[in-house]
PDB file of all heavy atoms in Angstrom:
ATOM      1  N   LEU A   1      15.975   3.320  -5.046  1.00  0.00           N
ATOM      2  CA  LEU A   1      14.671   3.169  -4.395  1.00  0.00           C
ATOM      3  C   LEU A   1      13.939   2.035  -5.094  1.00  0.00           C
ATOM      4  O   LEU A   1      13.792   2.065  -6.324  1.00  0.00           O
ATOM      5  CB  LEU A   1      13.866   4.467  -4.509  1.00  0.00           C
ATOM      6  CG  LEU A   1      14.493   5.723  -3.901  1.00  0.00           C
ATOM      7  CD1 LEU A   1      13.692   6.963  -4.284  1.00  0.00           C
ATOM      8  CD2 LEU A   1      14.576   5.595  -2.391  1.00  0.00           C
ATOM      9  N   VAL A   2      13.472   1.056  -4.318  1.00  0.00           N
ATOM     10  CA  VAL A   2      12.796  -0.103  -4.898  1.00  0.00           C
ATOM     11  C   VAL A   2      11.484  -0.328  -4.160  1.00  0.00           C
ATOM     12  O   VAL A   2      11.483  -0.713  -2.983  1.00  0.00           O
ATOM     13  CB  VAL A   2      13.675  -1.361  -4.813  1.00  0.00           C
ATOM     14  CG1 VAL A   2      12.927  -2.546  -5.424  1.00  0.00           C
ATOM     15  CG2 VAL A   2      15.007  -1.134  -5.514  1.00  0.00           C
ATOM     16  N   GLU A   3      10.370  -0.111  -4.865  1.00  0.00           N
ATOM     17  CA  GLU A   3       9.043  -0.290  -4.273  1.00  0.00           C
ATOM     18  C   GLU A   3       8.584  -1.740  -4.394  1.00  0.00           C
ATOM     19  O   GLU A   3       8.984  -2.461  -5.321  1.00  0.00           O
ATOM     20  CB  GLU A   3       7.999   0.602  -4.958  1.00  0.00           C
ATOM     21  CG  GLU A   3       8.258   2.082  -4.910  1.00  0.00           C
ATOM     22  CD  GLU A   3       8.979   2.599  -6.137  1.00  0.00           C
ATOM     23  OE1 GLU A   3       9.668   1.784  -6.797  1.00  0.00           O
ATOM     24  OE2 GLU A   3       8.852   3.790  -6.457  1.00  0.00           O
ATOM     25  N   SER A   4       7.709  -2.134  -3.466  1.00  0.00           N
ATOM     26  CA  SER A   4       7.079  -3.449  -3.503  1.00  0.00           C
ATOM     27  C   SER A   4       5.790  -3.384  -2.707  1.00  0.00           C
ATOM     28  O   SER A   4       5.535  -2.401  -2.004  1.00  0.00           O
ATOM     29  CB  SER A   4       8.003  -4.517  -2.942  1.00  0.00           C
ATOM     30  OG  SER A   4       8.310  -4.248  -1.585  1.00  0.00           O
ATOM     31  N   GLY A   5       4.986  -4.445  -2.827  1.00  0.00           N
ATOM     32  CA  GLY A   5       3.781  -4.546  -2.009  1.00  0.00           C
ATOM     33  C   GLY A   5       2.484  -4.249  -2.726  1.00  0.00           C
ATOM     34  O   GLY A   5       1.405  -4.381  -2.140  1.00  0.00           O
ATOM     35  N   GLY A   6       2.569  -3.857  -3.982  1.00  0.00           N
ATOM     36  CA  GLY A   6       1.345  -3.592  -4.730  1.00  0.00           C
ATOM     37  C   GLY A   6       0.583  -4.869  -5.024  1.00  0.00           C
ATOM     38  O   GLY A   6       1.070  -5.975  -4.792  1.00  0.00           O
ATOM     39  N   GLY A   7      -0.626  -4.700  -5.547  1.00  0.00           N
ATOM     40  CA  GLY A   7      -1.432  -5.855  -5.894  1.00  0.00           C
ATOM     41  C   GLY A   7      -2.850  -5.469  -6.214  1.00  0.00           C
ATOM     42  O   GLY A   7      -3.170  -4.287  -6.351  1.00  0.00           O
ATOM     43  N   LEU A   8      -3.692  -6.499  -6.327  1.00  0.00           N
ATOM     44  CA  LEU A   8      -5.106  -6.318  -6.621  1.00  0.00           C
ATOM     45  C   LEU A   8      -5.900  -6.547  -5.337  1.00  0.00           C
ATOM     46  O   LEU A   8      -5.769  -7.614  -4.710  1.00  0.00           O
ATOM     47  CB  LEU A   8      -5.547  -7.315  -7.698  1.00  0.00           C
ATOM     48  CG  LEU A   8      -7.047  -7.402  -7.978  1.00  0.00           C
ATOM     49  CD1 LEU A   8      -7.573  -6.082  -8.520  1.00  0.00           C
ATOM     50  CD2 LEU A   8      -7.327  -8.540  -8.961  1.00  0.00           C
ATOM     51  N   VAL A   9      -6.689  -5.563  -4.952  1.00  0.00           N
ATOM     52  CA  VAL A   9      -7.521  -5.685  -3.758  1.00  0.00           C
ATOM     53  C   VAL A   9      -8.926  -5.189  -4.073  1.00  0.00           C
ATOM     54  O   VAL A   9      -9.135  -4.479  -5.063  1.00  0.00           O
ATOM     55  CB  VAL A   9      -6.960  -4.893  -2.563  1.00  0.00           C
ATOM     56  CG1 VAL A   9      -5.616  -5.451  -2.141  1.00  0.00           C
ATOM     57  CG2 VAL A   9      -6.879  -3.414  -2.879  1.00  0.00           C
ATOM     58  N   GLN A  10      -9.864  -5.548  -3.201  1.00  0.00           N
ATOM     59  CA  GLN A  10     -11.240  -5.086  -3.358  1.00  0.00           C
ATOM     60  C   GLN A  10     -11.427  -3.756  -2.629  1.00  0.00           C
ATOM     61  O   GLN A  10     -10.676  -3.436  -1.696  1.00  0.00           O
ATOM     62  CB  GLN A  10     -12.204  -6.126  -2.820  1.00  0.00           C
ATOM     63  CG  GLN A  10     -12.190  -7.426  -3.609  1.00  0.00           C
ATOM     64  CD  GLN A  10     -13.333  -8.349  -3.207  1.00  0.00           C
ATOM     65  OE1 GLN A  10     -13.995  -8.148  -2.202  1.00  0.00           O
ATOM     66  NE2 GLN A  10     -13.565  -9.354  -4.034  1.00  0.00           N
ATOM     67  N   PRO A  11     -12.412  -2.974  -3.029  1.00  0.00           N
ATOM     68  CA  PRO A  11     -12.703  -1.723  -2.314  1.00  0.00           C
ATOM     69  C   PRO A  11     -12.909  -1.982  -0.827  1.00  0.00           C
ATOM     70  O   PRO A  11     -13.549  -2.967  -0.442  1.00  0.00           O
ATOM     71  CB  PRO A  11     -13.986  -1.229  -2.983  1.00  0.00           C
ATOM     72  CG  PRO A  11     -13.925  -1.792  -4.369  1.00  0.00           C
ATOM     73  CD  PRO A  11     -13.278  -3.142  -4.211  1.00  0.00           C
ATOM     74  N   GLY A  12     -12.334  -1.097  -0.010  1.00  0.00           N
ATOM     75  CA  GLY A  12     -12.437  -1.225   1.431  1.00  0.00           C
ATOM     76  C   GLY A  12     -11.299  -1.986   2.081  1.00  0.00           C
ATOM     77  O   GLY A  12     -11.141  -1.933   3.307  1.00  0.00           O
ATOM     78  N   GLU A  13     -10.508  -2.698   1.281  1.00  0.00           N
ATOM     79  CA  GLU A  13      -9.403  -3.458   1.827  1.00  0.00           C
ATOM     80  C   GLU A  13      -8.161  -2.582   2.006  1.00  0.00           C
ATOM     81  O   GLU A  13      -8.172  -1.391   1.687  1.00  0.00           O
ATOM     82  CB  GLU A  13      -9.100  -4.661   0.933  1.00  0.00           C
ATOM     83  CG  GLU A  13     -10.224  -5.679   0.925  1.00  0.00           C
ATOM     84  CD  GLU A  13      -9.896  -6.934   0.136  1.00  0.00           C
ATOM     85  OE1 GLU A  13      -8.984  -6.893  -0.717  1.00  0.00           O
ATOM     86  OE2 GLU A  13     -10.544  -7.966   0.390  1.00  0.00           O
ATOM     87  N   SER A  14      -7.097  -3.216   2.526  1.00  0.00           N
ATOM     88  CA  SER A  14      -5.864  -2.492   2.836  1.00  0.00           C
ATOM     89  C   SER A  14      -4.672  -3.093   2.103  1.00  0.00           C
ATOM     90  O   SER A  14      -4.690  -4.268   1.724  1.00  0.00           O
ATOM     91  CB  SER A  14      -5.592  -2.551   4.340  1.00  0.00           C
ATOM     92  OG  SER A  14      -6.616  -1.924   5.075  1.00  0.00           O
ATOM     93  N   LEU A  15      -3.655  -2.278   1.916  1.00  0.00           N
ATOM     94  CA  LEU A  15      -2.361  -2.706   1.387  1.00  0.00           C
ATOM     95  C   LEU A  15      -1.279  -1.886   2.070  1.00  0.00           C
ATOM     96  O   LEU A  15      -1.515  -0.731   2.446  1.00  0.00           O
ATOM     97  CB  LEU A  15      -2.259  -2.454  -0.117  1.00  0.00           C
ATOM     98  CG  LEU A  15      -2.679  -3.520  -1.119  1.00  0.00           C
ATOM     99  CD1 LEU A  15      -2.466  -3.003  -2.528  1.00  0.00           C
ATOM    100  CD2 LEU A  15      -1.934  -4.816  -0.893  1.00  0.00           C
ATOM    101  N   LYS A  16      -0.091  -2.475   2.187  1.00  0.00           N
ATOM    102  CA  LYS A  16       1.051  -1.737   2.720  1.00  0.00           C
ATOM    103  C   LYS A  16       2.173  -1.801   1.702  1.00  0.00           C
ATOM    104  O   LYS A  16       2.673  -2.879   1.375  1.00  0.00           O
ATOM    105  CB  LYS A  16       1.516  -2.303   4.054  1.00  0.00           C
ATOM    106  CG  LYS A  16       2.588  -1.453   4.725  1.00  0.00           C
ATOM    107  CD  LYS A  16       2.897  -1.962   6.125  1.00  0.00           C
ATOM    108  CE  LYS A  16       3.867  -1.053   6.862  1.00  0.00           C
ATOM    109  NZ  LYS A  16       4.115  -1.506   8.259  1.00  0.00           N
ATOM    110  N   LEU A  17       2.534  -0.643   1.184  1.00  0.00           N
ATOM    111  CA  LEU A  17       3.633  -0.548   0.233  1.00  0.00           C
ATOM    112  C   LEU A  17       4.950  -0.325   0.973  1.00  0.00           C
ATOM    113  O   LEU A  17       4.981   0.315   2.027  1.00  0.00           O
ATOM    114  CB  LEU A  17       3.401   0.599  -0.746  1.00  0.00           C
ATOM    115  CG  LEU A  17       2.088   0.595  -1.513  1.00  0.00           C
ATOM    116  CD1 LEU A  17       2.057   1.760  -2.493  1.00  0.00           C
ATOM    117  CD2 LEU A  17       1.864  -0.716  -2.218  1.00  0.00           C
ATOM    118  N   SER A  18       6.014  -0.841   0.391  1.00  0.00           N
ATOM    119  CA  SER A  18       7.352  -0.644   0.931  1.00  0.00           C
ATOM    120  C   SER A  18       8.248  -0.023  -0.134  1.00  0.00           C
ATOM    121  O   SER A  18       8.049  -0.254  -1.331  1.00  0.00           O
ATOM    122  CB  SER A  18       7.963  -1.972   1.377  1.00  0.00           C
ATOM    123  OG  SER A  18       7.196  -2.579   2.389  1.00  0.00           O
ATOM    124  N   CYS A  19       9.223   0.744   0.315  1.00  0.00           N
ATOM    125  CA  CYS A  19      10.225   1.322  -0.572  1.00  0.00           C
ATOM    126  C   CYS A  19      11.579   1.122   0.104  1.00  0.00           C
ATOM    127  O   CYS A  19      11.888   1.789   1.097  1.00  0.00           O
ATOM    128  CB  CYS A  19       9.954   2.799  -0.797  1.00  0.00           C
ATOM    129  SG  CYS A  19      11.250   3.675  -1.705  1.00  0.00           S
ATOM    130  N   ALA A  20      12.355   0.189  -0.426  1.00  0.00           N
ATOM    131  CA  ALA A  20      13.684  -0.080   0.119  1.00  0.00           C
ATOM    132  C   ALA A  20      14.659   0.959  -0.409  1.00  0.00           C
ATOM    133  O   ALA A  20      14.783   1.143  -1.625  1.00  0.00           O
ATOM    134  CB  ALA A  20      14.134  -1.481  -0.270  1.00  0.00           C
ATOM    135  N   ALA A  21      15.332   1.632   0.505  1.00  0.00           N
ATOM    136  CA  ALA A  21      16.222   2.734   0.139  1.00  0.00           C
ATOM    137  C   ALA A  21      17.681   2.344   0.387  1.00  0.00           C
ATOM    138  O   ALA A  21      17.992   1.701   1.385  1.00  0.00           O
ATOM    139  CB  ALA A  21      15.879   3.970   0.951  1.00  0.00           C
ATOM    140  N   SER A  22      18.547   2.756  -0.519  1.00  0.00           N
ATOM    141  CA  SER A  22      19.973   2.515  -0.346  1.00  0.00           C
ATOM    142  C   SER A  22      20.765   3.660  -0.970  1.00  0.00           C
ATOM    143  O   SER A  22      20.249   4.379  -1.827  1.00  0.00           O
ATOM    144  CB  SER A  22      20.384   1.177  -0.960  1.00  0.00           C
ATOM    145  OG  SER A  22      20.086   1.156  -2.342  1.00  0.00           O
ATOM    146  N   GLY A  23      22.003   3.823  -0.506  1.00  0.00           N
ATOM    147  CA  GLY A  23      22.886   4.836  -1.074  1.00  0.00           C
ATOM    148  C   GLY A  23      22.766   6.202  -0.446  1.00  0.00           C
ATOM    149  O   GLY A  23      23.457   7.141  -0.876  1.00  0.00           O
ATOM    150  N   PHE A  24      21.911   6.341   0.558  1.00  0.00           N
ATOM    151  CA  PHE A  24      21.785   7.611   1.257  1.00  0.00           C
ATOM    152  C   PHE A  24      21.227   7.322   2.649  1.00  0.00           C
ATOM    153  O   PHE A  24      20.838   6.196   2.960  1.00  0.00           O
ATOM    154  CB  PHE A  24      20.893   8.592   0.495  1.00  0.00           C
ATOM    155  CG  PHE A  24      19.439   8.186   0.426  1.00  0.00           C
ATOM    156  CD1 PHE A  24      18.496   8.811   1.219  1.00  0.00           C
ATOM    157  CD2 PHE A  24      19.022   7.186  -0.438  1.00  0.00           C
ATOM    158  CE1 PHE A  24      17.165   8.447   1.161  1.00  0.00           C
ATOM    159  CE2 PHE A  24      17.703   6.809  -0.514  1.00  0.00           C
ATOM    160  CZ  PHE A  24      16.759   7.441   0.293  1.00  0.00           C
ATOM    161  N   ILE A  25      21.188   8.368   3.474  1.00  0.00           N
ATOM    162  CA  ILE A  25      20.725   8.202   4.848  1.00  0.00           C
ATOM    163  C   ILE A  25      19.231   8.481   4.896  1.00  0.00           C
ATOM    164  O   ILE A  25      18.796   9.643   4.824  1.00  0.00           O
ATOM    165  CB  ILE A  25      21.481   9.143   5.794  1.00  0.00           C
ATOM    166  CG1 ILE A  25      22.997   8.887   5.677  1.00  0.00           C
ATOM    167  CG2 ILE A  25      21.020   8.935   7.232  1.00  0.00           C
ATOM    168  CD1 ILE A  25      23.849   9.908   6.398  1.00  0.00           C
ATOM    169  N   LEU A  26      18.439   7.427   5.013  1.00  0.00           N
ATOM    170  CA  LEU A  26      16.989   7.565   4.961  1.00  0.00           C
ATOM    171  C   LEU A  26      16.479   8.555   6.010  1.00  0.00           C
ATOM    172  O   LEU A  26      15.610   9.369   5.720  1.00  0.00           O
ATOM    173  CB  LEU A  26      16.332   6.200   5.149  1.00  0.00           C
ATOM    174  CG  LEU A  26      14.810   6.157   5.116  1.00  0.00           C
ATOM    175  CD1 LEU A  26      14.283   6.595   3.757  1.00  0.00           C
ATOM    176  CD2 LEU A  26      14.296   4.761   5.463  1.00  0.00           C
ATOM    177  N   SER A  27      17.016   8.489   7.202  1.00  0.00           N
ATOM    178  CA  SER A  27      16.527   9.341   8.289  1.00  0.00           C
ATOM    179  C   SER A  27      16.829  10.821   8.059  1.00  0.00           C
ATOM    180  O   SER A  27      16.218  11.678   8.699  1.00  0.00           O
ATOM    181  CB  SER A  27      17.143   8.897   9.618  1.00  0.00           C
ATOM    182  OG  SER A  27      18.561   8.995   9.557  1.00  0.00           O
ATOM    183  N   SER A  28      17.725  11.112   7.144  1.00  0.00           N
ATOM    184  CA  SER A  28      18.108  12.501   6.871  1.00  0.00           C
ATOM    185  C   SER A  28      17.412  13.082   5.652  1.00  0.00           C
ATOM    186  O   SER A  28      17.666  14.241   5.292  1.00  0.00           O
ATOM    187  CB  SER A  28      19.622  12.598   6.668  1.00  0.00           C
ATOM    188  OG  SER A  28      20.308  12.225   7.837  1.00  0.00           O
ATOM    189  N   ALA A  29      16.566  12.284   5.024  1.00  0.00           N
ATOM    190  CA  ALA A  29      15.942  12.704   3.771  1.00  0.00           C
ATOM    191  C   ALA A  29      14.444  12.922   3.934  1.00  0.00           C
ATOM    192  O   ALA A  29      13.787  12.195   4.686  1.00  0.00           O
ATOM    193  CB  ALA A  29      16.187  11.663   2.693  1.00  0.00           C
ATOM    194  N   ASP A  30      13.907  13.896   3.220  1.00  0.00           N
ATOM    195  CA  ASP A  30      12.466  14.018   3.070  1.00  0.00           C
ATOM    196  C   ASP A  30      12.039  12.992   2.026  1.00  0.00           C
ATOM    197  O   ASP A  30      12.617  12.938   0.938  1.00  0.00           O
ATOM    198  CB  ASP A  30      12.080  15.421   2.590  1.00  0.00           C
ATOM    199  CG  ASP A  30      12.318  16.493   3.636  1.00  0.00           C
ATOM    200  OD1 ASP A  30      12.565  16.145   4.812  1.00  0.00           O
ATOM    201  OD2 ASP A  30      12.274  17.685   3.279  1.00  0.00           O
ATOM    202  N   MET A  31      11.041  12.190   2.375  1.00  0.00           N
ATOM    203  CA  MET A  31      10.603  11.109   1.501  1.00  0.00           C
ATOM    204  C   MET A  31       9.148  11.317   1.105  1.00  0.00           C
ATOM    205  O   MET A  31       8.312  11.698   1.937  1.00  0.00           O
ATOM    206  CB  MET A  31      10.745   9.760   2.208  1.00  0.00           C
ATOM    207  CG  MET A  31      12.177   9.415   2.601  1.00  0.00           C
ATOM    208  SD  MET A  31      13.293   9.241   1.195  1.00  0.00           S
ATOM    209  CE  MET A  31      12.511   7.892   0.288  1.00  0.00           C
ATOM    210  N   HIS A  32       8.855  11.027  -0.152  1.00  0.00           N
ATOM    211  CA  HIS A  32       7.514  11.225  -0.688  1.00  0.00           C
ATOM    212  C   HIS A  32       7.000   9.940  -1.333  1.00  0.00           C
ATOM    213  O   HIS A  32       7.787   9.125  -1.829  1.00  0.00           O
ATOM    214  CB  HIS A  32       7.515  12.299  -1.778  1.00  0.00           C
ATOM    215  CG  HIS A  32       8.001  13.639  -1.353  1.00  0.00           C
ATOM    216  ND1 HIS A  32       7.157  14.701  -1.102  1.00  0.00           N
ATOM    217  CD2 HIS A  32       9.258  14.108  -1.142  1.00  0.00           C
ATOM    218  CE1 HIS A  32       7.874  15.760  -0.765  1.00  0.00           C
ATOM    219  NE2 HIS A  32       9.147  15.429  -0.784  1.00  0.00           N
ATOM    220  N   TRP A  33       5.687   9.824  -1.357  1.00  0.00           N
ATOM    221  CA  TRP A  33       4.990   8.871  -2.213  1.00  0.00           C
ATOM    222  C   TRP A  33       4.199   9.683  -3.247  1.00  0.00           C
ATOM    223  O   TRP A  33       3.551  10.682  -2.901  1.00  0.00           O
ATOM    224  CB  TRP A  33       4.041   7.982  -1.438  1.00  0.00           C
ATOM    225  CG  TRP A  33       4.715   6.910  -0.644  1.00  0.00           C
ATOM    226  CD1 TRP A  33       5.011   6.922   0.686  1.00  0.00           C
ATOM    227  CD2 TRP A  33       5.154   5.635  -1.138  1.00  0.00           C
ATOM    228  NE1 TRP A  33       5.626   5.759   1.049  1.00  0.00           N
ATOM    229  CE2 TRP A  33       5.718   4.933  -0.048  1.00  0.00           C
ATOM    230  CE3 TRP A  33       5.137   5.011  -2.388  1.00  0.00           C
ATOM    231  CZ2 TRP A  33       6.257   3.657  -0.173  1.00  0.00           C
ATOM    232  CZ3 TRP A  33       5.663   3.740  -2.505  1.00  0.00           C
ATOM    233  CH2 TRP A  33       6.217   3.076  -1.407  1.00  0.00           C
ATOM    234  N   TYR A  34       4.266   9.239  -4.499  1.00  0.00           N
ATOM    235  CA  TYR A  34       3.483   9.778  -5.588  1.00  0.00           C
ATOM    236  C   TYR A  34       2.706   8.619  -6.214  1.00  0.00           C
ATOM    237  O   TYR A  34       3.026   7.440  -5.985  1.00  0.00           O
ATOM    238  CB  TYR A  34       4.381  10.402  -6.666  1.00  0.00           C
ATOM    239  CG  TYR A  34       4.911  11.766  -6.356  1.00  0.00           C
ATOM    240  CD1 TYR A  34       5.987  11.934  -5.488  1.00  0.00           C
ATOM    241  CD2 TYR A  34       4.360  12.900  -6.940  1.00  0.00           C
ATOM    242  CE1 TYR A  34       6.495  13.197  -5.211  1.00  0.00           C
ATOM    243  CE2 TYR A  34       4.864  14.174  -6.669  1.00  0.00           C
ATOM    244  CZ  TYR A  34       5.927  14.308  -5.807  1.00  0.00           C
ATOM    245  OH  TYR A  34       6.427  15.561  -5.534  1.00  0.00           O
ATOM    246  N   ARG A  35       1.737   8.961  -7.040  1.00  0.00           N
ATOM    247  CA  ARG A  35       1.033   7.922  -7.798  1.00  0.00           C
ATOM    248  C   ARG A  35       0.625   8.473  -9.160  1.00  0.00           C
ATOM    249  O   ARG A  35       0.469   9.676  -9.329  1.00  0.00           O
ATOM    250  CB  ARG A  35      -0.186   7.417  -7.039  1.00  0.00           C
ATOM    251  CG  ARG A  35      -1.316   8.434  -6.875  1.00  0.00           C
ATOM    252  CD  ARG A  35      -2.409   7.848  -5.982  1.00  0.00           C
ATOM    253  NE  ARG A  35      -3.513   8.785  -5.815  1.00  0.00           N
ATOM    254  CZ  ARG A  35      -4.547   8.574  -5.007  1.00  0.00           C
ATOM    255  NH1 ARG A  35      -4.621   7.452  -4.278  1.00  0.00           N
ATOM    256  NH2 ARG A  35      -5.521   9.475  -4.922  1.00  0.00           N
ATOM    257  N   GLN A  36       0.464   7.547 -10.098  1.00  0.00           N
ATOM    258  CA  GLN A  36       0.028   7.924 -11.439  1.00  0.00           C
ATOM    259  C   GLN A  36      -0.999   6.928 -11.929  1.00  0.00           C
ATOM    260  O   GLN A  36      -0.693   5.737 -12.084  1.00  0.00           O
ATOM    261  CB  GLN A  36       1.208   7.993 -12.400  1.00  0.00           C
ATOM    262  CG  GLN A  36       0.835   8.555 -13.763  1.00  0.00           C
ATOM    263  CD  GLN A  36       2.034   8.932 -14.585  1.00  0.00           C
ATOM    264  OE1 GLN A  36       3.159   8.478 -14.343  1.00  0.00           O
ATOM    265  NE2 GLN A  36       1.828   9.795 -15.572  1.00  0.00           N
ATOM    266  N   ALA A  37      -2.212   7.425 -12.150  1.00  0.00           N
ATOM    267  CA  ALA A  37      -3.297   6.602 -12.667  1.00  0.00           C
ATOM    268  C   ALA A  37      -3.245   6.628 -14.188  1.00  0.00           C
ATOM    269  O   ALA A  37      -2.699   7.560 -14.789  1.00  0.00           O
ATOM    270  CB  ALA A  37      -4.635   7.132 -12.166  1.00  0.00           C
ATOM    271  N   PRO A  38      -3.826   5.624 -14.835  1.00  0.00           N
ATOM    272  CA  PRO A  38      -3.817   5.564 -16.299  1.00  0.00           C
ATOM    273  C   PRO A  38      -4.410   6.832 -16.908  1.00  0.00           C
ATOM    274  O   PRO A  38      -5.502   7.261 -16.515  1.00  0.00           O
ATOM    275  CB  PRO A  38      -4.673   4.338 -16.604  1.00  0.00           C
ATOM    276  CG  PRO A  38      -4.581   3.494 -15.390  1.00  0.00           C
ATOM    277  CD  PRO A  38      -4.485   4.444 -14.234  1.00  0.00           C
ATOM    278  N   GLY A  39      -3.683   7.428 -17.829  1.00  0.00           N
ATOM    279  CA  GLY A  39      -4.179   8.604 -18.523  1.00  0.00           C
ATOM    280  C   GLY A  39      -4.131   9.891 -17.725  1.00  0.00           C
ATOM    281  O   GLY A  39      -4.633  10.923 -18.174  1.00  0.00           O
ATOM    282  N   LYS A  40      -3.545   9.834 -16.530  1.00  0.00           N
ATOM    283  CA  LYS A  40      -3.487  11.029 -15.680  1.00  0.00           C
ATOM    284  C   LYS A  40      -2.041  11.389 -15.363  1.00  0.00           C
ATOM    285  O   LYS A  40      -1.131  10.569 -15.494  1.00  0.00           O
ATOM    286  CB  LYS A  40      -4.275  10.806 -14.386  1.00  0.00           C
ATOM    287  CG  LYS A  40      -5.763  10.608 -14.598  1.00  0.00           C
ATOM    288  CD  LYS A  40      -6.491  10.601 -13.282  1.00  0.00           C
ATOM    289  CE  LYS A  40      -8.001  10.496 -13.481  1.00  0.00           C
ATOM    290  NZ  LYS A  40      -8.741  10.507 -12.182  1.00  0.00           N
ATOM    291  N   GLU A  41      -1.855  12.628 -14.905  1.00  0.00           N
ATOM    292  CA  GLU A  41      -0.528  13.054 -14.504  1.00  0.00           C
ATOM    293  C   GLU A  41      -0.170  12.457 -13.145  1.00  0.00           C
ATOM    294  O   GLU A  41      -1.045  12.116 -12.343  1.00  0.00           O
ATOM    295  CB  GLU A  41      -0.472  14.585 -14.430  1.00  0.00           C
ATOM    296  CG  GLU A  41      -0.587  15.262 -15.787  1.00  0.00           C
ATOM    297  CD  GLU A  41      -0.329  16.746 -15.709  1.00  0.00           C
ATOM    298  OE1 GLU A  41      -0.139  17.265 -14.604  1.00  0.00           O
ATOM    299  OE2 GLU A  41      -0.306  17.399 -16.771  1.00  0.00           O
ATOM    300  N   ARG A  42       1.133  12.349 -12.911  1.00  0.00           N
ATOM    301  CA  ARG A  42       1.596  11.871 -11.618  1.00  0.00           C
ATOM    302  C   ARG A  42       1.190  12.879 -10.546  1.00  0.00           C
ATOM    303  O   ARG A  42       1.327  14.088 -10.731  1.00  0.00           O
ATOM    304  CB  ARG A  42       3.112  11.697 -11.640  1.00  0.00           C
ATOM    305  CG  ARG A  42       3.685  10.956 -10.467  1.00  0.00           C
ATOM    306  CD  ARG A  42       5.146  10.611 -10.687  1.00  0.00           C
ATOM    307  NE  ARG A  42       5.325   9.704 -11.814  1.00  0.00           N
ATOM    308  CZ  ARG A  42       6.489   9.136 -12.127  1.00  0.00           C
ATOM    309  NH1 ARG A  42       7.554   9.373 -11.388  1.00  0.00           N
ATOM    310  NH2 ARG A  42       6.574   8.348 -13.168  1.00  0.00           N
ATOM    311  N   GLU A  43       0.672  12.381  -9.419  1.00  0.00           N
ATOM    312  CA  GLU A  43       0.241  13.264  -8.352  1.00  0.00           C
ATOM    313  C   GLU A  43       0.899  12.889  -7.031  1.00  0.00           C
ATOM    314  O   GLU A  43       1.159  11.717  -6.750  1.00  0.00           O
ATOM    315  CB  GLU A  43      -1.291  13.231  -8.191  1.00  0.00           C
ATOM    316  CG  GLU A  43      -1.856  11.923  -7.704  1.00  0.00           C
ATOM    317  CD  GLU A  43      -3.334  12.018  -7.323  1.00  0.00           C
ATOM    318  OE1 GLU A  43      -3.862  13.138  -7.189  1.00  0.00           O
ATOM    319  OE2 GLU A  43      -3.953  10.946  -7.150  1.00  0.00           O
ATOM    320  N   TRP A  44       1.144  13.905  -6.246  1.00  0.00           N
ATOM    321  CA  TRP A  44       1.756  13.715  -4.940  1.00  0.00           C
ATOM    322  C   TRP A  44       0.744  13.128  -3.972  1.00  0.00           C
ATOM    323  O   TRP A  44      -0.438  13.500  -3.974  1.00  0.00           O
ATOM    324  CB  TRP A  44       2.261  15.067  -4.427  1.00  0.00           C
ATOM    325  CG  TRP A  44       2.760  15.034  -3.038  1.00  0.00           C
ATOM    326  CD1 TRP A  44       3.966  14.572  -2.588  1.00  0.00           C
ATOM    327  CD2 TRP A  44       2.059  15.478  -1.869  1.00  0.00           C
ATOM    328  NE1 TRP A  44       4.058  14.715  -1.229  1.00  0.00           N
ATOM    329  CE2 TRP A  44       2.895  15.265  -0.764  1.00  0.00           C
ATOM    330  CE3 TRP A  44       0.798  16.040  -1.658  1.00  0.00           C
ATOM    331  CZ2 TRP A  44       2.521  15.595   0.532  1.00  0.00           C
ATOM    332  CZ3 TRP A  44       0.416  16.365  -0.379  1.00  0.00           C
ATOM    333  CH2 TRP A  44       1.278  16.152   0.714  1.00  0.00           C
ATOM    334  N   VAL A  45       1.210  12.202  -3.113  1.00  0.00           N
ATOM    335  CA  VAL A  45       0.336  11.515  -2.180  1.00  0.00           C
ATOM    336  C   VAL A  45       0.670  11.842  -0.726  1.00  0.00           C
ATOM    337  O   VAL A  45      -0.215  12.185   0.059  1.00  0.00           O
ATOM    338  CB  VAL A  45       0.412   9.986  -2.383  1.00  0.00           C
ATOM    339  CG1 VAL A  45      -0.381   9.248  -1.319  1.00  0.00           C
ATOM    340  CG2 VAL A  45      -0.070   9.606  -3.778  1.00  0.00           C
TER     341      VAL A  45
END
C-alpha cells in the first residue's frame, strides 16, 4: 500500500489522497483510512 497526495493547505481547502494497492484484489478487500496527529494515538477515519 503506497499513499500519496498529502500536502500543506489552508483551512477550508480540499485535498485528495490516493493509496495505490498491489498484491491483492482491491475490490474484494475492506479498506480503511486512519490518521495520526502529533502526540496522539492513531485513529480510524
